[in-house]
Amino acid sequence: MYSQLAQALLITGVLALSACGSSETATTPDTPAETPVAESPAAQTETAAASSAASKGGQVVESGPYHLELVPAPEADGIHLDLYLQTGDTHEAIADATAIAQVQLPDGTQQEIPMEYDAEGAHFFAFLPSQAAGDYKTVIQTDIKGEKVNARFNFSK
């Protein structure tokens, strides 16, 4: 009797495991195989994060419908600043704007540097004549067709 009970339990366990491991899903003819699922808030955040990723290797700030990416490049006699000002959705360059970099140097002094637009590179640029090592706090002020858009960045040299 003991062996029949053990055998029945063993068969029941194997059947239960087989049912759990099955990857087939039963559907009836009136039930669609796939049901569309609304995108969860977490998935929407991941999508937004992907669209705000740095495409030029710099720091990105998304401000309303705009994508601002600052790429500082240290040089022997200072720091070259590239600003990619783009639409947030399609990342098309915005050429008809003005941009000013307000930089706080590591010693606390401030410099205001107008940025020029490079049509060939589709970005704004400026040169910061500083060789000081340390943290640079930067505010980029833009005027896009009368709309003021500011973004804050930090970088080190």
Protein backbone atom coordinates (compact mmCIF):
# COMPACT_ATOMS: atom_id res chain seq x y z
CA MET A 1 0.00 0.00 0.00
CA TYR A 2 2.88 2.35 0.79
CA SER A 3 4.40 1.89 -2.66
CA GLN A 4 1.05 2.60 -4.37
CA LEU A 5 0.70 5.83 -2.39
CA ALA A 6 4.29 6.88 -3.21
CA GLN A 7 3.73 6.05 -6.86
CA ALA A 8 0.48 8.10 -6.95
CA LEU A 9 2.24 11.10 -5.35
CA LEU A 10 5.13 10.80 -7.79
CA ILE A 11 2.78 10.74 -10.81
CA THR A 12 0.78 13.69 -9.43
CA GLY A 13 4.01 15.68 -8.91
CA VAL A 14 5.28 14.91 -12.41
CA LEU A 15 1.95 15.94 -13.95
CA ALA A 16 1.91 19.16 -11.93
CA LEU A 17 5.46 20.03 -13.01
CA SER A 18 4.66 19.19 -16.63
CA ALA A 19 1.67 21.54 -16.54
CA CYS A 20 3.77 24.38 -15.06
CA GLY A 21 6.52 23.97 -17.63
CA SER A 22 4.22 24.08 -20.64
CA SER A 23 4.63 27.21 -22.75
CA GLU A 24 1.51 26.69 -24.84
CA THR A 25 -1.50 28.88 -24.16
CA ALA A 26 -4.95 27.65 -24.90
CA THR A 27 -7.13 30.07 -26.82
CA THR A 28 -10.65 29.79 -28.03
CA PRO A 29 -11.65 30.94 -31.51
CA ASP A 30 -13.37 34.10 -30.18
CA THR A 31 -10.40 35.10 -27.99
CA PRO A 32 -7.56 36.92 -29.74
CA ALA A 33 -4.13 35.37 -29.21
CA GLU A 34 -2.63 38.76 -28.32
CA THR A 35 -4.32 41.55 -26.45
CA PRO A 36 -2.82 45.03 -26.83
CA VAL A 37 -1.50 46.31 -23.53
CA ALA A 38 -1.24 50.00 -22.64
CA GLU A 39 2.32 51.18 -22.03
CA SER A 40 3.04 51.33 -18.32
CA PRO A 41 4.37 54.53 -16.70
CA ALA A 42 7.71 52.78 -16.18
CA ALA A 43 7.92 51.95 -19.89
CA GLN A 44 7.00 55.54 -20.77
CA THR A 45 9.82 56.78 -18.51
CA GLU A 46 12.27 54.43 -20.22
CA THR A 47 11.15 55.73 -23.62
CA ALA A 48 11.60 59.33 -22.46
CA ALA A 49 15.02 58.49 -21.04
CA ALA A 50 16.04 56.92 -24.33
CA SER A 51 15.00 60.05 -26.26
CA SER A 52 16.93 62.26 -23.87
CA ALA A 53 20.14 60.25 -24.11
CA ALA A 54 23.32 62.04 -25.06
CA SER A 55 23.84 61.64 -28.78
CA LYS A 56 27.10 63.63 -28.90
CA GLY A 57 28.64 62.33 -25.68
CA GLY A 58 27.76 65.34 -23.53
CA GLN A 59 25.34 66.19 -20.74
CA VAL A 60 21.67 66.46 -21.70
CA VAL A 61 18.87 68.63 -20.35
CA GLU A 62 15.34 68.24 -21.68
CA SER A 63 13.44 71.50 -21.22
CA GLY A 64 9.87 71.45 -22.48
CA PRO A 65 9.99 70.68 -26.19
CA TYR A 66 13.76 71.24 -26.38
CA HIS A 67 16.83 69.01 -26.12
CA LEU A 68 20.04 70.77 -25.02
CA GLU A 69 23.32 68.87 -24.98
CA LEU A 70 26.56 70.47 -23.78
CA VAL A 71 29.87 68.89 -24.78
CA PRO A 72 32.92 70.47 -23.07
CA ALA A 73 36.27 69.58 -24.65
CA PRO A 74 39.43 70.54 -22.73
CA GLU A 75 42.19 72.03 -24.88
CA ALA A 76 45.71 73.20 -24.03
CA ASP A 77 44.72 76.87 -23.58
CA GLY A 78 41.10 76.50 -22.41
CA ILE A 79 37.84 74.63 -22.92
CA HIS A 80 35.89 74.35 -26.16
CA LEU A 81 32.12 74.25 -25.56
CA ASP A 82 29.70 72.72 -28.05
CA LEU A 83 25.96 73.15 -27.54
CA TYR A 84 23.51 71.06 -29.52
CA LEU A 85 20.17 72.84 -29.35
CA GLN A 86 17.50 70.62 -30.85
CA THR A 87 13.81 69.88 -30.84
CA GLY A 88 13.02 67.31 -28.17
CA ASP A 89 10.97 64.97 -30.34
CA THR A 90 12.89 64.69 -33.63
CA HIS A 91 16.25 66.13 -32.51
CA GLU A 92 16.37 68.56 -35.41
CA ALA A 93 18.89 71.36 -34.96
CA ILE A 94 17.55 74.80 -34.06
CA ALA A 95 19.67 77.39 -35.86
CA ASP A 96 17.56 80.52 -35.42
CA ALA A 97 18.29 81.11 -31.74
CA THR A 98 20.81 82.89 -29.58
CA ALA A 99 22.84 81.18 -26.88
CA ILE A 100 24.99 82.51 -24.05
CA ALA A 101 27.10 80.43 -21.67
CA GLN A 102 27.37 81.80 -18.12
CA VAL A 103 30.21 79.91 -16.49
CA GLN A 104 31.29 79.91 -12.86
CA LEU A 105 34.99 79.01 -12.80
CA PRO A 106 36.49 76.80 -10.07
CA ASP A 107 37.72 79.93 -8.21
CA GLY A 108 34.15 81.33 -8.09
CA THR A 109 34.56 84.04 -10.73
CA GLN A 110 31.95 84.27 -13.48
CA GLN A 111 32.32 84.63 -17.23
CA GLU A 112 29.63 85.27 -19.80
CA ILE A 113 30.43 83.94 -23.26
CA PRO A 114 28.23 84.46 -26.33
CA MET A 115 27.98 81.29 -28.43
CA GLU A 116 28.16 81.30 -32.23
CA TYR A 117 26.25 78.98 -34.54
CA ASP A 118 28.17 76.61 -36.80
CA ALA A 119 25.82 75.76 -39.68
CA GLU A 120 28.04 72.96 -40.99
CA GLY A 121 28.20 71.24 -37.60
CA ALA A 122 24.60 72.17 -36.72
CA HIS A 123 25.55 73.38 -33.23
CA PHE A 124 26.55 76.41 -31.19
CA PHE A 125 30.11 76.78 -29.95
CA ALA A 126 32.28 78.98 -27.75
CA PHE A 127 35.76 78.97 -26.27
CA LEU A 128 36.33 79.41 -22.55
CA PRO A 129 39.89 80.67 -21.94
CA SER A 130 40.50 78.93 -18.61
CA GLN A 131 43.13 76.44 -17.60
CA ALA A 132 41.98 76.09 -13.98
CA ALA A 133 41.42 72.58 -12.71
CA GLY A 134 38.15 71.93 -10.89
CA ASP A 135 34.40 72.13 -11.30
CA TYR A 136 32.72 74.46 -13.78
CA LYS A 137 29.06 75.32 -13.18
CA THR A 138 27.45 76.45 -16.40
CA VAL A 139 24.08 77.95 -17.28
CA ILE A 140 23.18 78.05 -20.95
CA GLN A 141 20.67 80.79 -21.72
CA THR A 142 18.90 80.56 -25.06
CA ASP A 143 16.34 82.65 -26.84
CA ILE A 144 14.37 80.59 -29.35
CA LYS A 145 12.05 82.89 -31.32
CA GLY A 146 11.35 84.96 -28.19
CA GLU A 147 11.08 81.96 -25.85
CA LYS A 148 13.68 81.91 -23.06
CA VAL A 149 15.05 78.44 -22.33
CA ASN A 150 17.78 77.88 -19.74
CA ALA A 151 19.70 74.74 -18.81
CA ARG A 152 22.25 74.04 -16.05
CA PHE A 153 25.33 71.88 -16.55
CA ASN A 154 28.38 70.90 -14.48
CA PHE A 155 31.70 69.62 -15.74
CA SER A 156 35.26 69.27 -14.49
CA LYS A 157 38.64 69.93 -16.01
